[in-house]
Protein backbone atom coordinates (compact mmCIF):
# COMPACT_ATOMS: atom_id res chain seq x y z
CA MET A 1 99.69 84.96 92.23
CA THR A 2 101.67 87.03 89.89
CA ASN A 3 104.34 89.61 89.97
CA ASP A 4 103.27 92.76 88.34
CA SER A 5 106.77 94.69 88.71
CA ASP A 6 106.82 95.40 84.79
CA HIS A 7 109.33 98.20 84.98
CA LEU A 8 111.47 96.00 86.61
CA MET A 9 111.79 92.95 84.09
CA PRO A 10 115.11 92.48 82.80
CA THR A 11 115.71 92.59 78.98
CA ALA A 12 116.54 88.70 79.15
CA LEU A 13 112.46 88.05 80.04
CA THR A 14 111.33 90.50 77.74
CA ASP A 15 113.26 88.91 75.02
CA PHE A 16 112.33 85.56 76.05
CA VAL A 17 108.86 86.22 75.87
CA PHE A 18 108.98 88.03 72.55
CA ASP A 19 110.91 84.80 71.25
CA LEU A 20 108.32 82.19 72.99
CA PHE A 21 105.37 84.11 71.32
CA ASP A 22 106.81 83.80 67.89
CA SER A 23 107.58 80.33 68.32
CA VAL A 24 103.94 79.79 69.50
CA THR A 25 102.44 81.44 66.81
CA LEU A 26 104.64 82.41 64.20
CA SER A 27 107.97 80.37 63.52
CA GLN A 28 106.28 77.26 64.85
CA MET A 29 110.06 75.51 64.95
CA PRO A 30 109.73 72.48 67.47
CA GLU A 31 113.81 72.28 68.07
CA GLU A 32 113.71 75.92 68.83
CA GLN A 33 110.62 75.99 70.94
CA ALA A 34 111.70 72.80 72.85
CA LYS A 35 114.55 74.95 73.76
CA PHE A 36 113.05 77.85 74.89
CA TYR A 37 110.43 75.60 76.76
CA GLU A 38 112.55 72.88 78.62
CA VAL A 39 115.87 74.91 79.05
CA ASP A 40 115.51 78.70 78.66
CA PHE A 41 112.32 79.18 80.82
CA ARG A 42 114.17 76.70 83.72
CA GLU A 43 117.04 78.96 83.54
CA LEU A 44 115.07 82.30 83.49
CA SER A 45 112.98 80.67 86.34
CA GLN A 46 115.97 79.56 88.95
CA LYS A 47 117.90 82.85 88.12
CA TYR A 48 114.73 85.39 88.47
CA PHE A 49 112.08 83.78 90.46
CA ALA A 50 113.36 81.20 92.42
CA ASN A 51 110.85 81.71 95.18
CA GLN A 52 108.51 84.03 93.38
CA ALA A 53 106.06 84.23 90.69
CA TRP A 54 106.65 85.29 86.99
CA PRO A 55 105.31 88.60 85.99
CA SER A 56 101.69 88.68 85.47
CA PRO A 57 100.26 88.38 81.57
CA GLN A 58 99.21 91.95 81.67
CA SER A 59 102.54 93.04 82.45
CA ILE A 60 104.02 91.14 79.12
CA ALA A 61 101.13 91.79 76.71
CA SER A 62 102.91 94.57 74.92
CA GLU A 63 105.69 91.36 74.11
CA CYS A 64 103.01 89.36 72.36
CA ASN A 65 100.36 92.32 70.88
CA GLY A 66 98.34 91.34 73.37
CA ASP A 67 97.34 87.76 72.07
CA PRO A 68 94.68 86.27 73.98
CA LEU A 69 95.66 82.63 73.05
CA PHE A 70 99.45 83.29 74.24
CA LEU A 71 98.54 85.28 77.03
CA ALA A 72 96.30 82.17 78.20
CA VAL A 73 99.42 79.85 77.41
CA TYR A 74 101.98 82.11 79.41
CA ARG A 75 99.57 82.05 82.23
CA GLU A 76 99.40 78.49 82.54
CA LEU A 77 103.22 78.28 82.45
CA THR A 78 103.95 80.67 84.88
CA HIS A 79 101.09 79.55 87.32
CA ARG A 80 102.48 75.97 87.03
CA HIS A 81 106.02 77.43 87.98
CA TRP A 82 104.53 79.19 90.86
CA HIS A 83 102.58 76.50 92.26
CA ALA A 84 105.80 74.13 92.08
CA VAL A 85 107.85 76.79 94.09
CA SER A 86 105.30 77.88 96.67
CA HIS A 87 102.70 76.03 98.97
CA PRO A 88 99.49 77.07 97.37
CA ASN A 89 96.51 78.21 99.37
CA ILE A 90 93.03 77.65 98.76
CA ARG A 91 92.57 80.66 96.39
CA ASP A 92 95.78 79.75 94.45
CA ARG A 93 94.18 76.15 93.78
CA LEU A 94 90.92 78.06 92.83
CA GLU A 95 92.50 80.33 90.68
CA GLY A 96 94.13 77.03 88.89
CA TRP A 97 90.80 76.20 87.52
CA GLN A 98 90.15 79.65 85.81
CA VAL A 99 93.60 79.33 84.56
CA TYR A 100 93.19 75.75 82.85
CA ARG A 101 89.50 76.65 81.69
CA GLU A 102 90.58 79.96 79.85
CA LEU A 103 93.38 78.15 78.27
CA PHE A 104 91.55 75.15 76.95
CA GLU A 105 88.68 77.46 75.59
CA GLU A 106 91.48 79.40 73.93
CA MET A 107 93.03 76.57 72.45
CA LEU A 108 89.67 75.18 71.02
CA ASP A 109 88.95 78.29 69.23
CA SER A 110 92.01 78.62 67.70
CA THR A 111 94.40 76.31 65.12
CA ASN A 112 97.10 79.13 64.50
CA PHE A 113 99.50 77.91 67.14
CA TYR A 114 101.88 75.09 67.79
CA LEU A 115 103.08 73.18 71.18
CA VAL A 116 105.77 70.56 71.18
CA PRO A 117 104.10 67.01 72.50
CA SER A 118 106.43 67.24 75.78
CA TRP A 119 105.02 70.63 76.52
CA VAL A 120 101.12 69.45 75.85
CA PHE A 121 101.98 66.66 77.73
CA ASP A 122 103.28 68.62 80.70
CA ILE A 123 100.05 71.12 80.42
CA LEU A 124 97.43 67.98 80.65
CA ASN A 125 99.49 65.97 83.32
CA GLU A 126 99.68 69.24 85.43
CA PHE A 127 95.61 69.62 84.85
CA VAL A 128 95.06 66.54 86.58
CA TYR A 129 97.76 66.82 89.14
CA GLN A 130 96.08 70.43 90.19
CA PHE A 131 92.67 68.68 90.28
CA GLN A 132 94.34 65.87 92.56
CA GLY A 133 95.75 68.41 94.59
CA PHE A 134 92.82 70.58 95.09
CA CYS A 135 90.46 67.35 96.04
CA GLN A 136 93.13 66.45 98.65
CA VAL A 137 93.10 69.88 100.45
CA ARG A 138 89.18 69.94 100.22
CA SER A 139 88.71 66.59 101.82
CA ALA A 140 91.16 67.65 104.55
CA VAL A 141 89.13 71.00 105.20
CA TYR A 142 86.10 68.98 105.50
CA ALA A 143 87.39 66.53 107.86
CA SER A 144 88.96 69.28 110.01
CA ALA A 145 85.65 71.12 109.73
CA ARG A 146 83.73 67.87 110.98
CA LYS A 147 86.20 67.45 113.78
CA GLN A 148 85.40 71.12 115.34
CA GLY A 149 81.99 70.65 114.71
CA LEU A 150 81.55 72.94 111.72
CA LEU A 151 79.94 70.25 109.52
CA ASN A 152 77.61 67.64 110.54
CA ALA A 153 78.05 64.03 109.35
CA ASP A 154 75.93 64.47 106.24
CA GLY A 155 78.26 67.34 105.39
CA THR A 156 75.61 70.31 106.09
CA ARG A 157 76.96 73.45 107.81
CA THR A 158 76.44 74.37 111.53
CA GLU A 159 77.25 77.17 113.44
CA GLY A 160 80.02 75.45 115.33
CA PRO A 161 82.06 76.53 118.45
CA HIS A 162 82.89 80.27 119.28
CA ASN A 163 86.53 79.02 119.22
CA ALA A 164 86.84 77.63 115.69
CA ASN A 165 90.07 78.15 114.00
CA GLN A 166 89.08 81.20 111.64
CA ASN A 167 91.48 80.17 109.00
CA LEU A 168 89.27 77.06 108.65
CA VAL A 169 86.12 78.74 108.76
CA ASP A 170 87.09 80.97 105.90
CA ASN A 171 88.53 78.05 103.94
CA LEU A 172 85.14 76.40 104.36
CA ALA A 173 82.98 79.38 103.54
CA LEU A 174 85.33 79.91 100.27
CA LEU A 175 84.81 76.28 99.15
CA GLU A 176 81.15 76.63 99.77
CA LYS A 177 80.88 79.65 97.42
CA SER A 178 83.19 77.89 94.82
CA LYS A 179 81.23 74.24 94.47
CA ASP A 180 81.48 74.34 90.87
CA VAL A 181 85.21 74.69 90.67
CA TRP A 182 87.12 71.75 89.77
CA ASP A 183 84.19 69.76 89.59
CA VAL A 184 84.90 66.16 88.51
CA GLU A 185 82.14 66.32 85.38
CA SER A 186 83.73 69.56 84.29
CA VAL A 187 87.29 68.21 84.40
CA PHE A 188 86.01 65.17 82.56
CA GLY A 189 84.33 67.27 80.04
CA ILE A 190 87.08 68.91 79.08
CA LEU A 191 89.48 65.97 78.57
CA HIS A 192 86.77 64.33 76.48
CA ARG A 193 86.44 67.39 74.29
CA LEU A 194 89.91 67.49 73.95
CA GLY A 195 90.43 63.82 73.03
CA ALA A 196 87.64 64.38 70.30
CA ILE A 197 89.38 66.78 68.31
CA GLY A 198 92.53 65.53 67.04
CA PHE A 199 92.01 62.48 64.90
CA GLY A 200 90.42 63.46 61.59
CA LYS A 201 88.46 61.91 59.21
CA GLU A 202 90.43 61.19 55.41
CA GLY A 203 90.81 64.45 54.10
CA SER A 204 89.69 66.68 56.86
CA GLU A 205 92.51 69.30 58.28
CA ILE A 206 93.85 68.65 61.90
CA THR A 207 96.75 70.35 63.40
CA PRO A 208 99.51 68.71 65.09
CA VAL A 209 98.68 70.44 68.49
CA TYR A 210 95.18 69.07 68.30
CA THR A 211 96.37 65.71 67.76
CA TYR A 212 98.94 65.89 70.32
CA LEU A 213 95.90 67.42 72.67
CA SER A 214 94.12 63.95 71.75
CA ILE A 215 96.85 61.54 72.53
CA PHE A 216 97.91 63.16 75.86
CA SER A 217 94.30 63.91 77.11
CA ALA A 218 93.75 60.04 76.73
CA VAL A 219 96.99 59.56 79.12
CA ALA A 220 95.40 62.28 81.40
CA ARG A 221 92.06 60.56 81.26
CA SER A 222 93.54 56.97 82.44
CA ARG A 223 95.52 58.69 85.23
CA LEU A 224 92.32 60.22 86.57
CA GLU A 225 90.28 57.19 86.24
CA CYS A 226 92.96 55.33 88.23
CA LEU A 227 92.94 57.99 90.92
CA LEU A 228 88.96 58.06 91.40
CA GLY A 229 89.23 54.17 91.57
CA ASP A 230 87.53 52.81 88.32
CA TYR A 231 90.36 50.98 86.98
CA SER A 232 88.77 49.61 83.88
CA ALA A 233 87.88 52.86 83.10
CA SER A 234 91.71 53.61 83.10
CA LEU A 235 92.56 51.21 80.80
CA GLN A 236 89.56 52.16 78.53
CA ALA A 237 90.92 55.29 78.32
CA LEU A 238 94.22 54.16 76.58
CA ASN A 239 92.04 52.38 73.80
CA PRO A 240 92.50 55.62 71.10
CA LEU A 241 96.30 55.14 71.13
CA SER A 242 95.84 52.04 69.75
CA THR A 243 92.78 52.72 67.79
CA TYR A 244 94.67 55.37 66.02
CA GLY A 245 98.42 54.53 66.48
CA SER A 246 98.92 54.68 62.84
CA TYR A 247 97.28 57.86 62.05
CA VAL A 248 100.19 60.21 60.93
CA VAL A 249 100.36 63.64 62.24
CA PRO A 250 100.02 65.85 58.95
CA LYS A 251 102.95 68.24 60.28
CA ASP A 252 105.47 67.18 62.97
CA LEU A 253 108.99 67.24 64.26
CA GLU A 254 111.89 67.95 62.01
CA ASP A 255 115.14 66.56 62.06
CA TYR A 256 118.57 67.73 60.61
CA GLN A 257 117.72 66.06 57.32
CA GLY A 258 114.31 67.47 57.06
CA THR A 259 110.51 66.64 57.74
CA MET A 260 109.99 63.99 59.52
CA GLN A 261 106.27 62.90 60.11
CA LEU A 262 105.33 60.25 63.13
CA ASN A 263 102.22 58.64 63.79
CA VAL A 264 100.30 58.83 67.09
CA MET A 265 102.19 56.13 68.68
CA GLU A 266 105.30 57.60 67.56
CA VAL A 267 104.30 60.93 69.30
CA PHE A 268 103.44 59.03 72.48
CA GLY A 269 106.65 57.77 72.41
CA SER A 270 108.84 60.57 72.22
CA VAL A 271 107.57 61.87 75.62
CA MET A 272 109.14 59.66 78.66
CA GLY A 273 106.96 61.08 80.66
CA ALA A 274 103.66 59.95 79.04
CA ARG A 275 105.00 56.56 78.75
CA VAL A 276 105.84 56.37 82.45
CA SER A 277 102.61 57.75 83.41
CA VAL A 278 100.77 54.98 81.41
CA ALA A 279 102.97 52.23 82.78
CA TYR A 280 102.40 53.45 86.48
CA HIS A 281 98.70 53.84 86.46
CA ALA A 282 98.20 50.98 84.09
CA GLY A 283 100.21 48.73 86.28
CA VAL A 284 98.18 49.86 89.48
CA SER A 285 95.03 49.30 87.68
CA LEU A 286 96.04 45.95 86.50
CA LEU A 287 96.91 44.59 89.58
CA LEU A 288 93.72 45.95 91.39
CA LEU A 289 91.61 43.95 88.72
CA ARG A 290 93.75 41.31 89.38
CA ARG A 291 95.49 41.09 86.00
CA TYR A 292 98.92 40.03 87.38
CA LYS A 293 100.26 38.96 84.32
CA ASP A 294 99.62 42.01 81.96
CA ALA A 295 100.72 44.22 84.86
CA ILE A 296 104.08 42.52 85.00
CA SER A 297 104.61 42.97 81.30
CA ILE A 298 103.91 46.55 81.10
CA LEU A 299 105.67 47.44 84.24
CA ALA A 300 108.66 44.95 83.47
CA GLU A 301 109.31 46.77 80.10
CA MET A 302 109.04 50.41 81.54
CA CYS A 303 111.68 49.29 84.44
CA ALA A 304 113.87 47.87 81.93
CA VAL A 305 113.63 50.88 79.80
CA LEU A 306 114.38 53.13 82.73
CA GLN A 307 117.01 51.17 83.81
CA ARG A 308 118.96 51.42 80.24
CA GLY A 309 118.24 55.25 80.01
CA PHE A 310 119.74 55.61 83.66
CA LYS A 311 123.03 53.64 82.88
CA THR A 312 123.62 55.21 79.44
CA GLY A 313 122.87 58.60 80.73
CA GLN A 314 120.10 59.33 78.17
CA LEU A 315 117.79 60.11 80.79
CA ARG A 316 120.00 63.07 82.31
CA LYS A 317 118.75 64.91 79.18
CA ILE A 318 115.54 65.15 80.30
CA VAL A 319 115.87 68.76 81.94
CA GLY A 320 114.32 68.71 85.19
CA GLY A 321 112.86 65.38 85.30
CA SER A 322 115.47 62.49 85.90
CA GLU A 323 114.48 63.12 89.72
CA GLN A 324 111.02 62.06 89.19
CA LEU A 325 111.86 59.63 86.86
CA ASN A 326 114.03 57.99 89.58
CA LYS A 327 111.22 58.27 91.85
CA GLN A 328 108.79 56.41 89.33
CA TYR A 329 111.24 53.85 88.77
CA ASP A 330 111.53 53.11 92.40
CA ARG A 331 108.03 52.86 92.89
CA MET A 332 107.32 50.72 89.60
CA LEU A 333 109.95 48.31 90.68
CA SER A 334 108.32 47.83 94.16
CA LEU A 335 105.00 46.89 92.45
CA LEU A 336 106.69 44.68 90.22
CA ALA A 337 108.59 42.92 93.43
CA LEU A 338 105.20 42.68 94.70
CA LEU A 339 103.61 41.19 91.21
CA THR A 340 106.22 38.76 90.76
CA HIS A 341 105.70 37.55 94.35
CA ILE A 342 102.09 37.07 93.84
CA CYS A 343 102.88 35.03 90.44
CA PRO A 344 106.27 34.05 90.89
CA SER A 345 105.96 31.84 87.12
CA GLN A 346 105.70 35.07 85.17
CA SER A 347 109.22 36.56 86.63
CA SER A 348 110.82 34.32 83.63
CA GLY A 349 109.71 37.31 81.06
CA VAL A 350 111.17 39.93 83.50
CA GLU A 351 114.86 41.20 82.02
CA GLU A 352 117.45 39.44 84.38
CA ALA A 353 118.80 43.06 85.24
CA VAL A 354 115.38 44.01 86.44
CA ILE A 355 115.35 40.70 88.46
CA ARG A 356 118.40 41.66 89.95
CA ALA A 357 117.44 44.75 91.13
CA ILE A 358 114.20 43.67 92.66
CA ARG A 359 116.26 40.83 94.29
CA GLU A 360 118.91 43.53 95.76
CA LYS A 361 115.99 45.88 96.99
CA HIS A 362 113.18 43.65 97.72
CA GLY A 363 114.41 39.86 98.07
CA SER A 364 114.69 39.07 101.27
CA LYS A 365 112.29 41.62 102.65
CA LEU A 366 109.37 40.49 100.74
CA ALA A 367 109.97 36.78 101.58
CA ALA A 368 109.44 37.50 105.45
CA ALA A 369 106.93 40.08 104.94
CA THR A 370 103.70 39.31 106.59
CA SER A 371 101.79 42.64 104.97
CA TYR A 372 102.24 43.77 101.64
CA GLU A 373 101.32 47.42 102.31
CA GLU A 374 104.81 48.50 101.81
CA TRP A 375 105.36 47.68 98.36
CA PHE A 376 101.80 48.97 97.25
CA GLN A 377 103.31 51.79 95.83
CA CYS A 378 99.81 53.66 94.63
CA PRO A 379 98.96 56.94 93.87
CA LYS A 380 97.46 59.18 96.14
CA PHE A 381 93.73 58.02 95.42
CA ILE A 382 91.21 60.94 95.66
CA SER A 383 87.36 61.17 95.88
CA ALA A 384 84.56 63.51 93.98
CA ASP A 385 83.04 63.49 97.21
CA PRO A 386 84.74 65.51 99.64
CA SER A 387 83.14 64.33 102.74
CA HIS A 388 84.54 60.57 101.76
CA GLY A 389 88.10 59.59 101.90
CA VAL A 390 88.97 56.85 99.62
CA PHE A 391 92.87 56.38 100.22
CA ARG A 392 92.91 54.12 103.56
CA GLN A 393 89.72 52.50 101.92
CA GLN A 394 91.71 51.43 98.45
CA ILE A 395 94.61 50.35 101.07
CA HIS A 396 92.22 48.29 103.05
CA ARG A 397 90.76 46.74 99.64
CA PHE A 398 94.05 46.06 98.50
CA LEU A 399 95.35 44.40 101.64
CA GLU A 400 91.83 42.42 101.91
CA GLU A 401 93.00 41.31 98.05
CA MET A 402 96.32 40.17 99.04
CA ASN A 403 95.33 37.85 102.43
CA PRO A 404 95.35 34.70 100.54
CA VAL A 405 98.75 35.11 98.95
CA PRO A 406 100.54 33.66 101.45
CA ALA A 407 98.63 30.65 101.47
CA GLY A 408 98.61 30.05 97.75
CA ARG A 409 102.29 30.29 97.46
CA THR A 410 102.75 27.62 99.92
CA LEU A 411 100.33 25.80 97.96
CA ARG A 412 102.02 26.10 94.77
CA SER A 413 105.16 25.04 96.27
CA TYR A 414 103.56 21.74 97.76
CA LEU A 415 102.15 21.00 94.24
CA LYS A 416 105.32 21.17 92.80
CA LEU A 417 106.86 18.53 94.36
CA TYR A 418 104.20 16.10 93.22
CA ASN A 419 102.72 14.52 90.09
CA SER A 420 99.81 13.28 92.45
CA VAL A 421 98.84 13.51 96.07
CA SER A 422 95.99 13.09 98.16
CA ILE A 423 94.09 15.72 99.87
CA ASP A 424 94.61 14.39 103.29
CA LYS A 425 98.41 14.46 102.86
CA LEU A 426 98.06 17.91 101.60
CA ALA A 427 96.28 18.96 104.73
CA HIS A 428 98.78 17.27 106.95
CA LEU A 429 101.58 19.30 105.14
CA TYR A 430 99.55 22.23 106.08
CA GLY A 431 99.48 21.33 109.80
CA ASP A 432 95.82 21.71 111.43
CA SER A 433 94.09 22.18 108.09
CA SER A 434 91.34 19.94 107.17
CA ALA A 435 90.91 18.18 103.75
CA ASP A 436 87.99 20.31 103.46
CA GLU A 437 89.35 23.41 103.88
CA VAL A 438 92.30 22.38 101.41
CA LEU A 439 90.08 21.38 98.53
CA ALA A 440 88.39 25.06 99.25
CA LEU A 441 91.95 26.48 99.09
CA LEU A 442 92.57 24.60 95.80
CA MET A 443 89.46 25.75 94.01
CA SER A 444 89.78 29.37 94.95
CA TYR A 445 93.71 29.57 94.33
CA LYS A 446 92.99 28.25 90.66
CA LEU A 447 89.85 30.70 90.38
CA ARG A 448 91.85 33.65 91.50
CA MET A 449 94.75 32.87 89.04
CA ARG A 450 92.28 32.73 86.14
CA GLN A 451 92.32 36.38 85.22
CA LEU A 452 91.86 38.19 81.79
CA GLU A 453 95.20 38.56 79.49
CA ARG A 454 95.40 40.97 76.66
CA THR A 455 96.13 39.29 73.44
CA GLY A 456 95.80 42.40 70.93
CA SER A 457 96.17 45.95 70.47
CA SER A 458 93.35 47.46 72.59
CA TRP A 459 92.68 46.67 75.99
CA ASN A 460 89.40 45.39 74.73
CA ASP A 461 90.93 42.41 72.92
CA SER A 462 91.48 40.30 76.41
CA VAL A 463 90.30 36.81 76.92
CA TYR A 464 90.69 34.64 80.06
CA LYS A 465 93.83 32.53 80.70
CA THR A 466 95.42 30.86 83.65
CA ALA A 467 98.35 32.77 85.33
CA LEU A 468 99.67 29.42 86.81
CA ASP A 469 102.61 27.55 85.93
CA ILE A 470 101.23 24.33 86.63
CA HIS A 471 97.71 22.75 86.24
CA TYR A 472 96.23 20.26 88.23
CA TYR A 473 92.53 18.87 89.26
CA ALA A 474 90.73 16.83 91.96
CA GLU A 475 89.81 13.37 91.44
CA LYS A 476 87.69 11.87 94.28
CA ASP A 477 90.59 12.04 97.33
CA THR A 478 93.60 12.95 94.85
CA VAL A 479 94.94 16.30 93.17
CA HIS A 480 96.60 15.47 89.83
CA ILE A 481 99.58 17.90 89.12
CA ASN A 482 101.05 18.45 85.58
CA GLU A 483 103.62 21.35 85.61
CA ALA A 484 103.35 23.53 82.20
CA GLU A 485 106.30 23.02 80.00
CA LYS A 486 108.76 25.66 80.66
CA THR A 487 110.10 27.93 77.72
CA ARG A 488 113.39 28.16 78.54
CA ARG A 489 115.13 31.80 77.28
CA PHE A 490 118.98 31.66 76.48
CA GLU A 491 118.82 35.20 74.85
CA ASN A 492 119.11 36.91 77.83
CA PHE A 493 121.82 34.90 79.41
CA PHE A 494 124.44 35.78 76.48
CA VAL A 495 123.23 39.07 76.13
CA ASN A 496 124.22 39.72 79.51
CA SER A 497 127.28 37.84 79.13
CA ILE A 498 128.31 39.82 76.23
CA LEU A 499 127.57 43.28 78.30
CA HIS A 500 129.46 41.81 81.56
CA ASP A 501 132.28 41.33 78.98
CA HIS A 502 132.22 44.60 77.27
CA GLU A 503 132.51 46.23 80.80
CA VAL A 504 135.36 44.06 81.84
CA ARG A 505 137.19 45.16 78.88
CA LYS A 506 136.87 48.60 79.44
CA GLU A 507 137.61 48.54 82.93
CA THR A 508 140.94 46.54 81.88
CA LEU A 509 141.60 48.87 78.82
CA SER A 510 141.48 52.01 81.61
CA ILE A 511 144.13 50.37 83.77
CA ASP A 512 147.32 52.37 83.32
CA VAL A 513 150.03 49.65 83.33
CA THR A 514 153.03 52.06 82.21
CA LEU A 515 156.30 51.03 84.30
């Protein structure tokens, strides 16, 4: 939806469009463009278009000489704004596909333009988000149509009752006419094309934006694979970041002293939203692949980064994103609480401040929990097949995976009390369990905690290791236990004590002692 009131456009708006066009196609100055995108556009939106769409691309074409690339960029930017402030209907969501397809085609056909990394990430992130939203709405329409008898169980259309909801009938007809819109293969095709253009061979000319598109298409593809339930593919999608991590972008951001060239990992690290997206979706994927140590590592690191950013106020500088970062922090902290509950031996590698936050928010409730669904802060999983809902299916799969966790935690607590213990005695400790049942539990627990662990820069560099902090084996009727030697880390204690001392001194110096 667009607003075509050309003659009503204020001067501030036309000046902004002209300046933005200049920064995208001519001046290409990162700091200036970042201000236009992150500050000026948001302020103009709040002032003039808080609850309505921006003017159409045709209305502002004179400010950019009708440049097709810039018009496509402008159309995506304003469509994203409208999508955020309204309740988009089916037609708006179908239009979104045309918006992004046109934009990416224009980008692939042109090299003389520049977008800052955060803008490129937001475009690709929104692309996947709108695909996810379309799949959810489509599944809801098909589910309602089946309930009202408009669709058979196999998805074929029926005449349905005469009193069927007309809006539902219209939406169903619209979706059936647009089966190629937001097709999952087309979405993946676009992401793969964008991922292949940004890393040139020695001597080849690659624009900075092409490299940004390749970097953040890998992030978007990882998120999409996670949403579709292919967790291994979600991790594999991130491999370009490690493969080309040291590739230097030929022309990049400028600091106050001059030109500063960044490599791929530094560009990725400069966009907090991308880092959070990778940590969250990789953490979910690793959890569901039963790779608890790797999941704890990636989530604990990001929670610590966000926690420090909130404390120092650095994250408040991310315009419009601090609220979303707070939500993602809470979701990742919940997942981390669950993981350290499943695999308590790995909590030693988590920063003390994060452990304290977990203990305060989740400690007592998690210890007494009989179901772990509350802590499984997963994304809204989607299906490429509109007749097949997968969200509850994934939740059910997770809960099945968690069923043996309480028994495993109890077994670990018993084994840590002994150097050797008979299986009969363990069975007695369990109450009404037989020796055969305990032996089966011993074997299954050890097998479940043997999992892949990343050993290199790529997710392909993984070997099987144990996540247990105790080693045990059964010989005849006796279980022999050898507790792993603990690596005691003192640096966290001293760093936390220094920080605490600093806070105390700061509060003390702020006290007014004048008489």
